[in-house]
Amino acid sequence: MSTLLAQLRTLSTVVADTGDLDAIRRFAPQDATTNPSLILKAAQSGQYDALVEQTVAAVKDLEGTLDEAIDEASDRLVVAMGCLILQHVPGRVSTEVNARLSFDTQASLTKARKLVSLYQACGIGRDRILIKLAATWEGIRAAQVLEREGIQCNLTLIFSFAQARACAEAGVFLISPFVGRILDWHRKANPEIDYPAALEPGVLQVQEIHRYYRRHNYPTVVMGASFRNSGEILALAGCDRLTISPGLLEQLAVSEGVLTHSMVESLERAERPEPLTESQFRWQLNDDAMATEKLAEGIRGFDADQCKLEALLREKLERSAS
């Protein structure tokens, strides 16, 4: 009998949710996703020491302030890491726009275009990258512009149906609903409830989004993310893509069983509704306490790890200047 991971590959595209090169080489995913937290972890792991040193050396003599040098070094480092990851996956790498730009459409556009230009300077075309943006109203608007420019996007920190709907209406290539973080909120709010994996709120939400997209013929890809256990993954077998941490990939790789397609699709098709207005989007998001809290928490968390990465680069830049 084949492993659960082998069977999962026949139903969904498996993506590695990590910057760990050893894990990427071992599990041979189609794509890889990164975020500020994973980039920080990778930078601290020692695997990328040479890239960090090369990046610091490349920017230390550039004109401008130290803060500008740190920002430049951060952009170059995430792209350099992405380029290295792309040597080990046949598909794409997702690279995230700085989380502190999540409420600034124009600044997000500027940063996204810069990241794409840095990749292109390294010989990496747009077909190998996805630009990650937080699914705020401003982030979705930035993604809409980028998609029209031929820059495909991964909208992250999806916690509500309103976010998912707005992304599809904006023509976004891919969304990442955060299954495990949704479970975290519900466990805290309802500690007396023991959620079976197949009935977890995050699992049910991904299934709802997937059905809605197919019913209304939206091409936006649904990629389940932020898993807490392998049961969540198995309950979403058949979802377009699943981005999975190395620990859970390992569990699936050593487990056997019979895996079945878990995504139920309605054969009925429906006309698309009018796109959500900004006020409708904001109200529906505000009306969802879980989504509002987890989105804000996620942005703060990514920014905190971005600050830690910048502090690491600051220390190295100051040391090189002394």
C-alpha atoms as a PDB file:
ATOM      1  CA  MET A   1       0.000   0.000   0.000  1.00  0.00           C
ATOM      2  CA  SER A   2       1.327   3.448  -0.900  1.00  0.00           C
ATOM      3  CA  THR A   3       1.857   6.133   1.718  1.00  0.00           C
ATOM      4  CA  LEU A   4      -0.697   8.824   2.448  1.00  0.00           C
ATOM      5  CA  LEU A   5       1.661  11.404   0.976  1.00  0.00           C
ATOM      6  CA  ALA A   6       1.955   9.466  -2.279  1.00  0.00           C
ATOM      7  CA  GLN A   7      -1.820   9.177  -2.512  1.00  0.00           C
ATOM      8  CA  LEU A   8      -2.293  12.844  -1.629  1.00  0.00           C
ATOM      9  CA  ARG A   9      -0.093  13.833  -4.577  1.00  0.00           C
ATOM     10  CA  THR A  10      -2.595  12.169  -6.925  1.00  0.00           C
ATOM     11  CA  LEU A  11      -5.448  14.305  -5.563  1.00  0.00           C
ATOM     12  CA  SER A  12      -3.870  17.681  -4.748  1.00  0.00           C
ATOM     13  CA  THR A  13      -0.732  19.610  -5.648  1.00  0.00           C
ATOM     14  CA  VAL A  14       1.609  19.327  -2.665  1.00  0.00           C
ATOM     15  CA  VAL A  15       3.486  22.491  -1.696  1.00  0.00           C
ATOM     16  CA  ALA A  16       6.195  22.775   0.971  1.00  0.00           C
ATOM     17  CA  ASP A  17       5.480  25.403   3.604  1.00  0.00           C
ATOM     18  CA  THR A  18       9.104  26.020   4.499  1.00  0.00           C
ATOM     19  CA  GLY A  19      12.412  27.556   3.536  1.00  0.00           C
ATOM     20  CA  ASP A  20      14.300  24.475   4.768  1.00  0.00           C
ATOM     21  CA  LEU A  21      16.278  23.253   1.768  1.00  0.00           C
ATOM     22  CA  ASP A  22      16.870  19.794   3.229  1.00  0.00           C
ATOM     23  CA  ALA A  23      13.111  19.275   3.664  1.00  0.00           C
ATOM     24  CA  ILE A  24      12.400  20.602   0.180  1.00  0.00           C
ATOM     25  CA  ARG A  25      14.933  18.219  -1.338  1.00  0.00           C
ATOM     26  CA  ARG A  26      13.566  15.292   0.631  1.00  0.00           C
ATOM     27  CA  PHE A  27       9.855  15.726  -0.060  1.00  0.00           C
ATOM     28  CA  ALA A  28      10.152  17.061  -3.633  1.00  0.00           C
ATOM     29  CA  PRO A  29       7.105  19.368  -3.608  1.00  0.00           C
ATOM     30  CA  GLN A  30       5.781  21.093  -6.717  1.00  0.00           C
ATOM     31  CA  ASP A  31       6.061  24.562  -5.148  1.00  0.00           C
ATOM     32  CA  ALA A  32       7.287  26.189  -1.959  1.00  0.00           C
ATOM     33  CA  THR A  33       5.794  28.988   0.114  1.00  0.00           C
ATOM     34  CA  THR A  34       7.615  31.440   2.345  1.00  0.00           C
ATOM     35  CA  ASN A  35       6.582  34.195   4.723  1.00  0.00           C
ATOM     36  CA  PRO A  36       8.514  36.499   7.074  1.00  0.00           C
ATOM     37  CA  SER A  37       8.409  33.918   9.881  1.00  0.00           C
ATOM     38  CA  LEU A  38       9.763  31.139   7.654  1.00  0.00           C
ATOM     39  CA  ILE A  39      12.387  33.453   6.149  1.00  0.00           C
ATOM     40  CA  LEU A  40      13.580  34.416   9.637  1.00  0.00           C
ATOM     41  CA  LYS A  41      13.733  30.774  10.704  1.00  0.00           C
ATOM     42  CA  ALA A  42      15.664  29.872   7.564  1.00  0.00           C
ATOM     43  CA  ALA A  43      18.079  32.785   8.026  1.00  0.00           C
ATOM     44  CA  GLN A  44      18.756  31.673  11.602  1.00  0.00           C
ATOM     45  CA  SER A  45      19.226  28.023  10.618  1.00  0.00           C
ATOM     46  CA  GLY A  46      22.673  28.501   9.099  1.00  0.00           C
ATOM     47  CA  GLN A  47      21.613  27.137   5.701  1.00  0.00           C
ATOM     48  CA  TYR A  48      21.669  30.592   4.188  1.00  0.00           C
ATOM     49  CA  ASP A  49      24.691  32.127   5.952  1.00  0.00           C
ATOM     50  CA  ALA A  50      26.549  32.628   2.690  1.00  0.00           C
ATOM     51  CA  LEU A  51      23.560  34.403   1.118  1.00  0.00           C
ATOM     52  CA  VAL A  52      23.183  36.659   4.156  1.00  0.00           C
ATOM     53  CA  GLU A  53      26.852  37.643   4.030  1.00  0.00           C
ATOM     54  CA  GLN A  54      26.743  38.194   0.265  1.00  0.00           C
ATOM     55  CA  THR A  55      23.641  40.356   0.624  1.00  0.00           C
ATOM     56  CA  VAL A  56      25.181  42.505   3.358  1.00  0.00           C
ATOM     57  CA  ALA A  57      28.365  42.929   1.306  1.00  0.00           C
ATOM     58  CA  ALA A  58      26.336  43.969  -1.750  1.00  0.00           C
ATOM     59  CA  VAL A  59      24.409  46.758  -0.007  1.00  0.00           C
ATOM     60  CA  LYS A  60      26.828  48.102   2.603  1.00  0.00           C
ATOM     61  CA  ASP A  61      28.385  50.668   0.276  1.00  0.00           C
ATOM     62  CA  LEU A  62      25.170  51.831  -1.401  1.00  0.00           C
ATOM     63  CA  GLU A  63      24.202  55.456  -0.967  1.00  0.00           C
ATOM     64  CA  GLY A  64      21.469  56.213   1.544  1.00  0.00           C
ATOM     65  CA  THR A  65      20.668  55.751   5.199  1.00  0.00           C
ATOM     66  CA  LEU A  66      21.185  52.621   7.271  1.00  0.00           C
ATOM     67  CA  ASP A  67      17.421  52.016   7.300  1.00  0.00           C
ATOM     68  CA  GLU A  68      17.363  52.170   3.498  1.00  0.00           C
ATOM     69  CA  ALA A  69      20.258  49.698   3.358  1.00  0.00           C
ATOM     70  CA  ILE A  70      18.408  47.329   5.690  1.00  0.00           C
ATOM     71  CA  ASP A  71      15.261  47.523   3.541  1.00  0.00           C
ATOM     72  CA  GLU A  72      17.315  46.850   0.414  1.00  0.00           C
ATOM     73  CA  ALA A  73      19.147  43.969   2.070  1.00  0.00           C
ATOM     74  CA  SER A  74      15.852  42.432   3.209  1.00  0.00           C
ATOM     75  CA  ASP A  75      14.415  42.536  -0.314  1.00  0.00           C
ATOM     76  CA  ARG A  76      17.554  41.090  -1.856  1.00  0.00           C
ATOM     77  CA  LEU A  77      17.794  38.356   0.772  1.00  0.00           C
ATOM     78  CA  VAL A  78      14.231  37.054   0.352  1.00  0.00           C
ATOM     79  CA  VAL A  79      14.712  36.995  -3.414  1.00  0.00           C
ATOM     80  CA  ALA A  80      18.090  35.246  -3.112  1.00  0.00           C
ATOM     81  CA  MET A  81      16.474  32.644  -0.861  1.00  0.00           C
ATOM     82  CA  GLY A  82      13.642  32.267  -3.340  1.00  0.00           C
ATOM     83  CA  CYS A  83      16.101  31.733  -6.186  1.00  0.00           C
ATOM     84  CA  LEU A  84      17.878  29.020  -4.212  1.00  0.00           C
ATOM     85  CA  ILE A  85      14.596  27.300  -3.367  1.00  0.00           C
ATOM     86  CA  LEU A  86      13.639  27.364  -7.053  1.00  0.00           C
ATOM     87  CA  GLN A  87      16.660  25.198  -7.801  1.00  0.00           C
ATOM     88  CA  HIS A  88      14.869  22.416  -5.925  1.00  0.00           C
ATOM     89  CA  VAL A  89      11.223  22.780  -6.994  1.00  0.00           C
ATOM     90  CA  PRO A  90       9.871  22.550 -10.542  1.00  0.00           C
ATOM     91  CA  GLY A  91       7.121  25.086  -9.935  1.00  0.00           C
ATOM     92  CA  ARG A  92       6.959  28.352  -8.048  1.00  0.00           C
ATOM     93  CA  VAL A  93       8.024  30.049  -4.874  1.00  0.00           C
ATOM     94  CA  SER A  94       5.768  32.491  -3.031  1.00  0.00           C
ATOM     95  CA  THR A  95       7.519  35.618  -1.768  1.00  0.00           C
ATOM     96  CA  GLU A  96       5.705  37.948   0.601  1.00  0.00           C
ATOM     97  CA  VAL A  97       5.385  41.716   0.505  1.00  0.00           C
ATOM     98  CA  ASN A  98       6.336  43.348   3.801  1.00  0.00           C
ATOM     99  CA  ALA A  99       3.380  42.917   6.186  1.00  0.00           C
ATOM    100  CA  ARG A 100       3.564  46.518   7.397  1.00  0.00           C
ATOM    101  CA  LEU A 101       2.414  47.578   3.928  1.00  0.00           C
ATOM    102  CA  SER A 102      -0.831  45.604   4.262  1.00  0.00           C
ATOM    103  CA  PHE A 103      -2.998  48.739   4.404  1.00  0.00           C
ATOM    104  CA  ASP A 104      -1.211  50.696   1.661  1.00  0.00           C
ATOM    105  CA  THR A 105      -2.122  49.651  -1.867  1.00  0.00           C
ATOM    106  CA  GLN A 106       0.412  51.847  -3.647  1.00  0.00           C
ATOM    107  CA  ALA A 107       3.293  50.901  -1.368  1.00  0.00           C
ATOM    108  CA  SER A 108       2.399  47.233  -1.805  1.00  0.00           C
ATOM    109  CA  LEU A 109       2.452  47.658  -5.576  1.00  0.00           C
ATOM    110  CA  THR A 110       5.834  49.359  -5.457  1.00  0.00           C
ATOM    111  CA  LYS A 111       7.319  46.625  -3.263  1.00  0.00           C
ATOM    112  CA  ALA A 112       5.811  43.804  -5.336  1.00  0.00           C
ATOM    113  CA  ARG A 113       7.155  45.242  -8.585  1.00  0.00           C
ATOM    114  CA  LYS A 114      10.578  45.621  -7.013  1.00  0.00           C
ATOM    115  CA  LEU A 115      10.621  41.992  -5.868  1.00  0.00           C
ATOM    116  CA  VAL A 116       9.663  40.877  -9.377  1.00  0.00           C
ATOM    117  CA  SER A 117      12.417  43.025 -10.893  1.00  0.00           C
ATOM    118  CA  LEU A 118      14.973  41.535  -8.484  1.00  0.00           C
ATOM    119  CA  TYR A 119      13.912  38.043  -9.523  1.00  0.00           C
ATOM    120  CA  GLN A 120      14.129  38.991 -13.181  1.00  0.00           C
ATOM    121  CA  ALA A 121      17.651  40.373 -12.627  1.00  0.00           C
ATOM    122  CA  CYS A 122      18.526  36.869 -11.373  1.00  0.00           C
ATOM    123  CA  GLY A 123      17.058  35.279 -14.487  1.00  0.00           C
ATOM    124  CA  ILE A 124      13.821  34.152 -12.828  1.00  0.00           C
ATOM    125  CA  GLY A 125      10.682  34.837 -14.852  1.00  0.00           C
ATOM    126  CA  ARG A 126       7.250  35.754 -13.559  1.00  0.00           C
ATOM    127  CA  ASP A 127       6.016  32.228 -14.240  1.00  0.00           C
ATOM    128  CA  ARG A 128       8.176  30.924 -11.366  1.00  0.00           C
ATOM    129  CA  ILE A 129       7.018  33.276  -8.616  1.00  0.00           C
ATOM    130  CA  LEU A 130       3.883  34.270  -6.738  1.00  0.00           C
ATOM    131  CA  ILE A 131       3.730  37.563  -4.876  1.00  0.00           C
ATOM    132  CA  LYS A 132       2.138  37.104  -1.450  1.00  0.00           C
ATOM    133  CA  LEU A 133      -0.050  39.837  -0.010  1.00  0.00           C
ATOM    134  CA  ALA A 134      -2.248  39.936   3.071  1.00  0.00           C
ATOM    135  CA  ALA A 135      -5.919  39.745   2.080  1.00  0.00           C
ATOM    136  CA  THR A 136      -6.874  43.172   3.374  1.00  0.00           C
ATOM    137  CA  TRP A 137      -9.000  45.366   1.134  1.00  0.00           C
ATOM    138  CA  GLU A 138      -5.843  47.255   0.168  1.00  0.00           C
ATOM    139  CA  GLY A 139      -3.886  44.066  -0.469  1.00  0.00           C
ATOM    140  CA  ILE A 140      -6.637  42.683  -2.689  1.00  0.00           C
ATOM    141  CA  ARG A 141      -6.725  45.899  -4.699  1.00  0.00           C
ATOM    142  CA  ALA A 142      -2.949  45.728  -5.166  1.00  0.00           C
ATOM    143  CA  ALA A 143      -3.265  42.122  -6.316  1.00  0.00           C
ATOM    144  CA  GLN A 144      -5.936  43.089  -8.831  1.00  0.00           C
ATOM    145  CA  VAL A 145      -3.537  45.570 -10.451  1.00  0.00           C
ATOM    146  CA  LEU A 146      -0.614  43.130 -10.369  1.00  0.00           C
ATOM    147  CA  GLU A 147      -2.656  40.342 -11.963  1.00  0.00           C
ATOM    148  CA  ARG A 148      -3.513  42.667 -14.834  1.00  0.00           C
ATOM    149  CA  GLU A 149       0.208  43.327 -15.256  1.00  0.00           C
ATOM    150  CA  GLY A 150       0.912  39.600 -15.520  1.00  0.00           C
ATOM    151  CA  ILE A 151       2.224  39.248 -11.951  1.00  0.00           C
ATOM    152  CA  GLN A 152       0.314  36.428 -10.291  1.00  0.00           C
ATOM    153  CA  CYS A 153      -0.437  36.609  -6.590  1.00  0.00           C
ATOM    154  CA  ASN A 154      -0.986  34.463  -3.522  1.00  0.00           C
ATOM    155  CA  LEU A 155      -3.381  36.186  -1.118  1.00  0.00           C
ATOM    156  CA  THR A 156      -2.580  35.038   2.384  1.00  0.00           C
ATOM    157  CA  LEU A 157      -4.089  35.289   5.869  1.00  0.00           C
ATOM    158  CA  ILE A 158      -7.513  34.229   4.558  1.00  0.00           C
ATOM    159  CA  PHE A 159      -9.883  33.695   7.481  1.00  0.00           C
ATOM    160  CA  SER A 160     -13.281  34.700   6.126  1.00  0.00           C
ATOM    161  CA  PHE A 161     -15.543  33.924   3.187  1.00  0.00           C
ATOM    162  CA  ALA A 162     -15.672  37.665   2.415  1.00  0.00           C
ATOM    163  CA  GLN A 163     -11.895  37.731   1.866  1.00  0.00           C
ATOM    164  CA  ALA A 164     -12.061  34.671  -0.377  1.00  0.00           C
ATOM    165  CA  ARG A 165     -14.933  36.064  -2.410  1.00  0.00           C
ATOM    166  CA  ALA A 166     -13.268  39.458  -2.870  1.00  0.00           C
ATOM    167  CA  CYS A 167     -10.055  37.771  -4.026  1.00  0.00           C
ATOM    168  CA  ALA A 168     -11.872  35.764  -6.689  1.00  0.00           C
ATOM    169  CA  GLU A 169     -13.734  38.860  -7.847  1.00  0.00           C
ATOM    170  CA  ALA A 170     -10.392  40.675  -8.170  1.00  0.00           C
ATOM    171  CA  GLY A 171      -8.996  37.923 -10.419  1.00  0.00           C
ATOM    172  CA  VAL A 172      -6.409  36.712  -7.905  1.00  0.00           C
ATOM    173  CA  PHE A 173      -4.502  33.601  -8.992  1.00  0.00           C
ATOM    174  CA  LEU A 174      -4.392  31.825  -5.602  1.00  0.00           C
ATOM    175  CA  ILE A 175      -5.617  32.177  -2.023  1.00  0.00           C
ATOM    176  CA  SER A 176      -4.297  30.582   1.176  1.00  0.00           C
ATOM    177  CA  PRO A 177      -6.994  29.967   3.822  1.00  0.00           C
ATOM    178  CA  PHE A 178      -5.346  29.378   7.221  1.00  0.00           C
ATOM    179  CA  VAL A 179      -6.998  26.213   8.490  1.00  0.00           C
ATOM    180  CA  GLY A 180      -5.051  25.738  11.707  1.00  0.00           C
ATOM    181  CA  ARG A 181      -5.243  29.328  12.889  1.00  0.00           C
ATOM    182  CA  ILE A 182      -9.020  29.221  12.476  1.00  0.00           C
ATOM    183  CA  LEU A 183      -9.030  26.133  14.699  1.00  0.00           C
ATOM    184  CA  ASP A 184      -6.827  27.931  17.255  1.00  0.00           C
ATOM    185  CA  TRP A 185      -9.429  30.690  17.648  1.00  0.00           C
ATOM    186  CA  HIS A 186     -12.355  28.303  18.005  1.00  0.00           C
ATOM    187  CA  ARG A 187     -10.520  26.123  20.523  1.00  0.00           C
ATOM    188  CA  LYS A 188      -9.829  29.201  22.629  1.00  0.00           C
ATOM    189  CA  ALA A 189     -13.404  30.460  22.294  1.00  0.00           C
ATOM    190  CA  ASN A 190     -14.991  27.027  22.877  1.00  0.00           C
ATOM    191  CA  PRO A 191     -12.552  24.924  24.924  1.00  0.00           C
ATOM    192  CA  GLU A 192     -15.281  22.408  25.781  1.00  0.00           C
ATOM    193  CA  ILE A 193     -15.675  21.327  22.126  1.00  0.00           C
ATOM    194  CA  ASP A 194     -13.510  18.565  20.685  1.00  0.00           C
ATOM    195  CA  TYR A 195     -13.440  19.155  16.942  1.00  0.00           C
ATOM    196  CA  PRO A 196     -12.949  16.063  14.739  1.00  0.00           C
ATOM    197  CA  ALA A 197     -10.561  16.963  11.908  1.00  0.00           C
ATOM    198  CA  ALA A 198     -13.225  16.581   9.208  1.00  0.00           C
ATOM    199  CA  LEU A 199     -15.535  18.965  11.082  1.00  0.00           C
ATOM    200  CA  GLU A 200     -13.017  21.605  12.104  1.00  0.00           C
ATOM    201  CA  PRO A 201     -14.197  25.147  11.301  1.00  0.00           C
ATOM    202  CA  GLY A 202     -11.164  25.823   9.091  1.00  0.00           C
ATOM    203  CA  VAL A 203     -11.670  22.624   7.111  1.00  0.00           C
ATOM    204  CA  LEU A 204     -15.345  23.410   6.578  1.00  0.00           C
ATOM    205  CA  GLN A 205     -14.524  26.941   5.469  1.00  0.00           C
ATOM    206  CA  VAL A 206     -12.036  25.761   2.838  1.00  0.00           C
ATOM    207  CA  GLN A 207     -14.607  23.307   1.529  1.00  0.00           C
ATOM    208  CA  GLU A 208     -17.217  26.085   1.366  1.00  0.00           C
ATOM    209  CA  ILE A 209     -14.857  28.401  -0.527  1.00  0.00           C
ATOM    210  CA  HIS A 210     -13.879  25.629  -2.928  1.00  0.00           C
ATOM    211  CA  ARG A 211     -17.537  24.807  -3.694  1.00  0.00           C
ATOM    212  CA  TYR A 212     -18.400  28.483  -4.186  1.00  0.00           C
ATOM    213  CA  TYR A 213     -15.519  29.017  -6.606  1.00  0.00           C
ATOM    214  CA  ARG A 214     -16.446  26.004  -8.689  1.00  0.00           C
ATOM    215  CA  ARG A 215     -20.159  26.791  -8.651  1.00  0.00           C
ATOM    216  CA  HIS A 216     -19.511  30.307  -9.930  1.00  0.00           C
ATOM    217  CA  ASN A 217     -16.712  29.250 -12.290  1.00  0.00           C
ATOM    218  CA  TYR A 218     -13.944  31.274 -10.632  1.00  0.00           C
ATOM    219  CA  PRO A 219     -10.490  30.027 -11.687  1.00  0.00           C
ATOM    220  CA  THR A 220      -8.818  31.190  -8.456  1.00  0.00           C
ATOM    221  CA  VAL A 221      -6.790  28.363  -6.915  1.00  0.00           C
ATOM    222  CA  VAL A 222      -7.592  27.330  -3.324  1.00  0.00           C
ATOM    223  CA  MET A 223      -4.524  26.295  -1.323  1.00  0.00           C
ATOM    224  CA  GLY A 224      -5.184  25.124   2.221  1.00  0.00           C
ATOM    225  CA  ALA A 225      -2.481  26.344   4.623  1.00  0.00           C
ATOM    226  CA  SER A 226      -1.454  26.533   8.287  1.00  0.00           C
ATOM    227  CA  PHE A 227      -2.273  22.966   9.261  1.00  0.00           C
ATOM    228  CA  ARG A 228      -2.170  21.795  12.874  1.00  0.00           C
ATOM    229  CA  ASN A 229      -2.527  18.069  12.234  1.00  0.00           C
ATOM    230  CA  SER A 230      -2.502  15.570   9.399  1.00  0.00           C
ATOM    231  CA  GLY A 231      -6.227  14.936   9.817  1.00  0.00           C
ATOM    232  CA  GLU A 232      -6.971  18.413   8.496  1.00  0.00           C
ATOM    233  CA  ILE A 233      -4.898  17.673   5.421  1.00  0.00           C
ATOM    234  CA  LEU A 234      -6.609  14.351   4.755  1.00  0.00           C
ATOM    235  CA  ALA A 235     -10.007  16.031   5.184  1.00  0.00           C
ATOM    236  CA  LEU A 236      -9.035  18.403   2.357  1.00  0.00           C
ATOM    237  CA  ALA A 237      -7.607  15.817  -0.034  1.00  0.00           C
ATOM    238  CA  GLY A 238      -8.656  16.963  -3.480  1.00  0.00           C
ATOM    239  CA  CYS A 239      -8.312  20.665  -2.713  1.00  0.00           C
ATOM    240  CA  ASP A 240      -6.400  22.390  -5.531  1.00  0.00           C
ATOM    241  CA  ARG A 241      -3.201  22.771  -3.507  1.00  0.00           C
ATOM    242  CA  LEU A 242      -2.096  22.127   0.064  1.00  0.00           C
ATOM    243  CA  THR A 243       0.958  23.814   1.558  1.00  0.00           C
ATOM    244  CA  ILE A 244       2.333  21.604   4.309  1.00  0.00           C
ATOM    245  CA  SER A 245       5.089  21.963   6.911  1.00  0.00           C
ATOM    246  CA  PRO A 246       8.020  19.479   6.938  1.00  0.00           C
ATOM    247  CA  GLY A 247       6.812  17.849  10.154  1.00  0.00           C
ATOM    248  CA  LEU A 248       3.422  17.001   8.702  1.00  0.00           C
ATOM    249  CA  LEU A 249       4.932  15.975   5.373  1.00  0.00           C
ATOM    250  CA  GLU A 250       7.032  13.508   7.363  1.00  0.00           C
ATOM    251  CA  GLN A 251       3.963  12.100   9.100  1.00  0.00           C
ATOM    252  CA  LEU A 252       2.204  11.584   5.787  1.00  0.00           C
ATOM    253  CA  ALA A 253       5.319  10.080   4.213  1.00  0.00           C
ATOM    254  CA  VAL A 254       5.553   7.304   6.833  1.00  0.00           C
ATOM    255  CA  SER A 255       1.812   6.612   7.171  1.00  0.00           C
ATOM    256  CA  GLU A 256      -0.226   4.158   5.136  1.00  0.00           C
ATOM    257  CA  GLY A 257      -3.972   3.901   4.617  1.00  0.00           C
ATOM    258  CA  VAL A 258      -6.640   4.520   2.038  1.00  0.00           C
ATOM    259  CA  LEU A 259      -7.096   8.168   1.082  1.00  0.00           C
ATOM    260  CA  THR A 260     -10.205   9.363  -0.727  1.00  0.00           C
ATOM    261  CA  HIS A 261     -11.203  12.590  -2.430  1.00  0.00           C
ATOM    262  CA  SER A 262     -12.817  14.749   0.262  1.00  0.00           C
ATOM    263  CA  MET A 263     -13.919  17.822  -1.686  1.00  0.00           C
ATOM    264  CA  VAL A 264     -17.619  17.748  -2.593  1.00  0.00           C
ATOM    265  CA  GLU A 265     -18.551  19.878  -5.577  1.00  0.00           C
ATOM    266  CA  SER A 266     -22.022  20.882  -6.683  1.00  0.00           C
ATOM    267  CA  LEU A 267     -22.729  20.156 -10.332  1.00  0.00           C
ATOM    268  CA  GLU A 268     -25.066  23.146 -10.374  1.00  0.00           C
ATOM    269  CA  ARG A 269     -23.573  26.333 -11.797  1.00  0.00           C
ATOM    270  CA  ALA A 270     -24.731  29.830 -10.914  1.00  0.00           C
ATOM    271  CA  GLU A 271     -24.217  33.344 -12.217  1.00  0.00           C
ATOM    272  CA  ARG A 272     -21.636  35.378 -10.384  1.00  0.00           C
ATOM    273  CA  PRO A 273     -23.047  38.012  -8.035  1.00  0.00           C
ATOM    274  CA  GLU A 274     -22.056  41.650  -8.261  1.00  0.00           C
ATOM    275  CA  PRO A 275     -18.595  42.175  -6.711  1.00  0.00           C
ATOM    276  CA  LEU A 276     -18.444  43.183  -3.086  1.00  0.00           C
ATOM    277  CA  THR A 277     -18.084  46.899  -2.511  1.00  0.00           C
ATOM    278  CA  GLU A 278     -15.480  48.170  -0.097  1.00  0.00           C
ATOM    279  CA  SER A 279     -18.103  48.907   2.546  1.00  0.00           C
ATOM    280  CA  GLN A 280     -19.678  45.459   2.151  1.00  0.00           C
ATOM    281  CA  PHE A 281     -16.279  43.782   2.427  1.00  0.00           C
ATOM    282  CA  ARG A 282     -15.280  45.751   5.500  1.00  0.00           C
ATOM    283  CA  TRP A 283     -18.613  45.142   7.218  1.00  0.00           C
ATOM    284  CA  GLN A 284     -18.620  41.398   6.538  1.00  0.00           C
ATOM    285  CA  LEU A 285     -15.037  41.091   7.755  1.00  0.00           C
ATOM    286  CA  ASN A 286     -15.814  43.212  10.827  1.00  0.00           C
ATOM    287  CA  ASP A 287     -18.872  41.060  11.522  1.00  0.00           C
ATOM    288  CA  ASP A 288     -16.645  37.973  11.763  1.00  0.00           C
ATOM    289  CA  ALA A 289     -14.849  38.227  15.110  1.00  0.00           C
ATOM    290  CA  MET A 290     -12.544  35.281  14.381  1.00  0.00           C
ATOM    291  CA  ALA A 291     -11.439  36.612  10.991  1.00  0.00           C
ATOM    292  CA  THR A 292     -10.946  40.153  12.276  1.00  0.00           C
ATOM    293  CA  GLU A 293      -8.825  39.018  15.215  1.00  0.00           C
ATOM    294  CA  LYS A 294      -6.751  36.442  13.318  1.00  0.00           C
ATOM    295  CA  LEU A 295      -6.073  38.748  10.370  1.00  0.00           C
ATOM    296  CA  ALA A 296      -4.798  41.495  12.665  1.00  0.00           C
ATOM    297  CA  GLU A 297      -2.807  38.985  14.724  1.00  0.00           C
ATOM    298  CA  GLY A 298      -1.283  37.459  11.592  1.00  0.00           C
ATOM    299  CA  ILE A 299      -0.165  40.819  10.215  1.00  0.00           C
ATOM    300  CA  ARG A 300       1.354  41.779  13.575  1.00  0.00           C
ATOM    301  CA  GLY A 301       3.112  38.435  13.823  1.00  0.00           C
ATOM    302  CA  PHE A 302       4.623  38.641  10.357  1.00  0.00           C
ATOM    303  CA  ASP A 303       5.753  42.200  11.038  1.00  0.00           C
ATOM    304  CA  ALA A 304       7.364  41.138  14.322  1.00  0.00           C
ATOM    305  CA  ASP A 305       9.419  38.499  12.524  1.00  0.00           C
ATOM    306  CA  GLN A 306      10.249  40.969   9.747  1.00  0.00           C
ATOM    307  CA  CYS A 307      11.587  43.299  12.438  1.00  0.00           C
ATOM    308  CA  LYS A 308      13.732  40.475  13.844  1.00  0.00           C
ATOM    309  CA  LEU A 309      15.148  39.784  10.382  1.00  0.00           C
ATOM    310  CA  GLU A 310      15.875  43.483   9.924  1.00  0.00           C
ATOM    311  CA  ALA A 311      17.579  43.573  13.331  1.00  0.00           C
ATOM    312  CA  LEU A 312      19.807  40.686  12.217  1.00  0.00           C
ATOM    313  CA  LEU A 313      20.702  42.563   9.032  1.00  0.00           C
ATOM    314  CA  ARG A 314      21.239  45.804  10.955  1.00  0.00           C
ATOM    315  CA  GLU A 315      23.729  44.103  13.257  1.00  0.00           C
ATOM    316  CA  LYS A 316      25.666  42.672  10.338  1.00  0.00           C
ATOM    317  CA  LEU A 317      25.659  45.983   8.443  1.00  0.00           C
ATOM    318  CA  GLU A 318      26.850  47.915  11.477  1.00  0.00           C
ATOM    319  CA  ARG A 319      29.557  45.355  12.132  1.00  0.00           C
ATOM    320  CA  SER A 320      30.760  45.506   8.520  1.00  0.00           C
ATOM    321  CA  ALA A 321      30.936  49.306   8.705  1.00  0.00           C
ATOM    322  CA  SER A 322      33.026  49.346  11.889  1.00  0.00           C
END
